[in-house]
């Protein structure tokens, strides 16, 4: 499975961005897809996940502002009400039964 993320950029506080991640390869084997982020000097952290059945899970810091969705081999992260502390490199991730895969990151910068 290969993952290609896109959609990052520079946005002002309070603005919105939509991240996309396209999976290729054994898409049918993917169970869970998700987004992580890593801010400068910090550990990579979970942002949100979504199962093949559509069940979602969010970090408390983004609940109510971010929405994860998926459509076949795509996973999206709609980010509203962005804050400067959301500035990070965002990575998509996918899990199959035995393995997990990372995409390259896409940088989101939120200016105050």
Protein backbone atom coordinates (compact mmCIF):
# COMPACT_ATOMS: atom_id res chain seq x y z
CA UNK A 1 0.00 0.00 0.00
CA UNK A 2 1.29 3.44 -0.93
CA UNK A 3 -0.13 6.66 0.48
CA UNK A 4 0.09 10.14 -1.05
CA UNK A 5 -1.01 13.08 1.07
CA UNK A 6 -1.82 16.57 -0.17
CA UNK A 7 -3.66 19.74 0.76
CA UNK A 8 -1.41 21.39 3.30
CA UNK A 9 -0.63 25.08 3.23
CA UNK A 10 -0.61 28.35 5.09
CA UNK A 11 -3.85 29.59 6.61
CA UNK A 12 -4.83 32.22 9.14
CA UNK A 13 -6.20 31.28 12.53
CA UNK A 14 -9.90 30.50 12.27
CA UNK A 15 -9.56 29.33 8.69
CA UNK A 16 -10.08 25.94 7.10
CA UNK A 17 -8.10 23.40 5.11
CA UNK A 18 -8.93 20.00 3.67
CA UNK A 19 -6.23 17.34 3.55
CA UNK A 20 -6.47 14.41 1.18
CA UNK A 21 -4.63 11.11 1.11
CA UNK A 22 -4.79 8.70 -1.81
CA UNK A 23 -4.03 5.04 -1.26
CA UNK A 24 -2.83 2.76 -4.03
CA UNK A 25 -1.92 -0.89 -4.20
CA UNK A 26 -3.90 -3.37 -2.07
CA UNK A 27 -6.64 -0.93 -1.17
CA UNK A 28 -9.09 -3.74 -0.46
CA UNK A 29 -6.87 -4.90 2.40
CA UNK A 30 -7.06 -1.60 4.28
CA UNK A 31 -9.11 -1.68 7.49
CA UNK A 32 -8.37 1.61 9.21
CA UNK A 33 -7.11 4.90 7.83
CA UNK A 34 -6.06 7.88 9.83
CA UNK A 35 -4.17 11.10 10.24
CA UNK A 36 -1.29 11.89 12.59
CA UNK A 37 0.65 15.09 13.03
CA UNK A 38 4.03 16.15 14.31
CA UNK A 39 4.73 19.66 15.45
CA UNK A 40 8.29 21.00 15.67
CA UNK A 41 10.06 19.55 18.69
CA UNK A 42 7.15 17.29 19.59
CA UNK A 43 6.29 13.64 19.18
CA UNK A 44 4.00 12.47 16.42
CA UNK A 45 0.44 12.25 17.69
CA UNK A 46 -2.83 10.78 16.57
CA UNK A 47 -5.32 13.22 15.08
CA UNK A 48 -8.15 11.00 13.86
CA UNK A 49 -8.91 7.53 12.55
CA UNK A 50 -11.76 5.98 10.61
CA UNK A 51 -12.56 2.31 10.14
CA UNK A 52 -13.87 0.65 7.01
CA UNK A 53 -17.29 0.66 8.70
CA UNK A 54 -17.11 4.42 9.21
CA UNK A 55 -16.42 4.52 12.94
CA UNK A 56 -14.32 7.52 13.85
CA UNK A 57 -12.00 8.49 16.66
CA UNK A 58 -10.56 11.94 17.34
CA UNK A 59 -7.93 13.44 19.56
CA UNK A 60 -9.60 15.62 22.18
CA UNK A 61 -7.71 18.65 20.90
CA UNK A 62 -9.42 18.50 17.50
CA UNK A 63 -12.85 17.08 18.37
CA UNK A 64 -15.58 19.32 17.07
CA UNK A 65 -13.25 21.13 14.67
CA UNK A 66 -11.85 18.37 12.45
CA UNK A 67 -13.78 15.76 10.50
CA UNK A 68 -12.29 12.61 9.00
CA UNK A 69 -13.96 10.81 6.12
CA UNK A 70 -13.04 8.18 3.57
CA UNK A 71 -14.18 7.04 0.17
CA UNK A 72 -12.71 3.86 -1.25
CA UNK A 73 -8.96 4.46 -1.29
CA UNK A 74 -9.15 8.09 -0.20
CA UNK A 75 -9.12 9.56 3.29
CA UNK A 76 -9.84 13.20 4.01
CA UNK A 77 -9.38 15.52 6.96
CA UNK A 78 -11.55 18.62 6.98
CA UNK A 79 -10.02 21.08 9.40
CA UNK A 80 -12.11 24.04 10.53
CA UNK A 81 -11.43 26.62 13.18
CA UNK A 82 -7.69 26.17 12.81
CA UNK A 83 -5.46 27.38 15.62
CA UNK A 84 -1.73 28.18 15.62
CA UNK A 85 -1.19 25.07 17.74
CA UNK A 86 -2.48 22.97 14.84
CA UNK A 87 0.70 23.85 12.95
CA UNK A 88 2.43 20.58 12.13
CA UNK A 89 3.36 18.13 9.44
CA UNK A 90 0.32 15.91 8.90
CA UNK A 91 0.77 12.27 7.91
CA UNK A 92 -1.78 9.76 6.71
CA UNK A 93 -1.60 6.18 7.85
CA UNK A 94 -3.31 2.96 6.82
CA UNK A 95 -3.63 -0.40 8.54
CA UNK A 96 -4.21 -3.78 6.98
CA UNK A 97 -4.50 -6.97 8.94
CA UNK A 98 -0.77 -7.36 9.40
CA UNK A 99 0.93 -4.13 8.49
CA UNK A 100 0.62 -0.38 8.69
CA UNK A 101 1.78 2.17 6.18
CA UNK A 102 2.71 5.84 6.31
CA UNK A 103 2.39 8.49 3.66
CA UNK A 104 4.73 11.40 3.28
CA UNK A 105 3.79 14.43 5.30
CA UNK A 106 2.04 17.59 4.24
CA UNK A 107 2.80 20.80 6.12
CA UNK A 108 0.01 22.83 7.69
CA UNK A 109 0.96 26.24 9.01
CA UNK A 110 -1.58 28.34 10.93
CA UNK A 111 -0.67 31.96 11.46
CA UNK A 112 -2.03 34.00 14.36
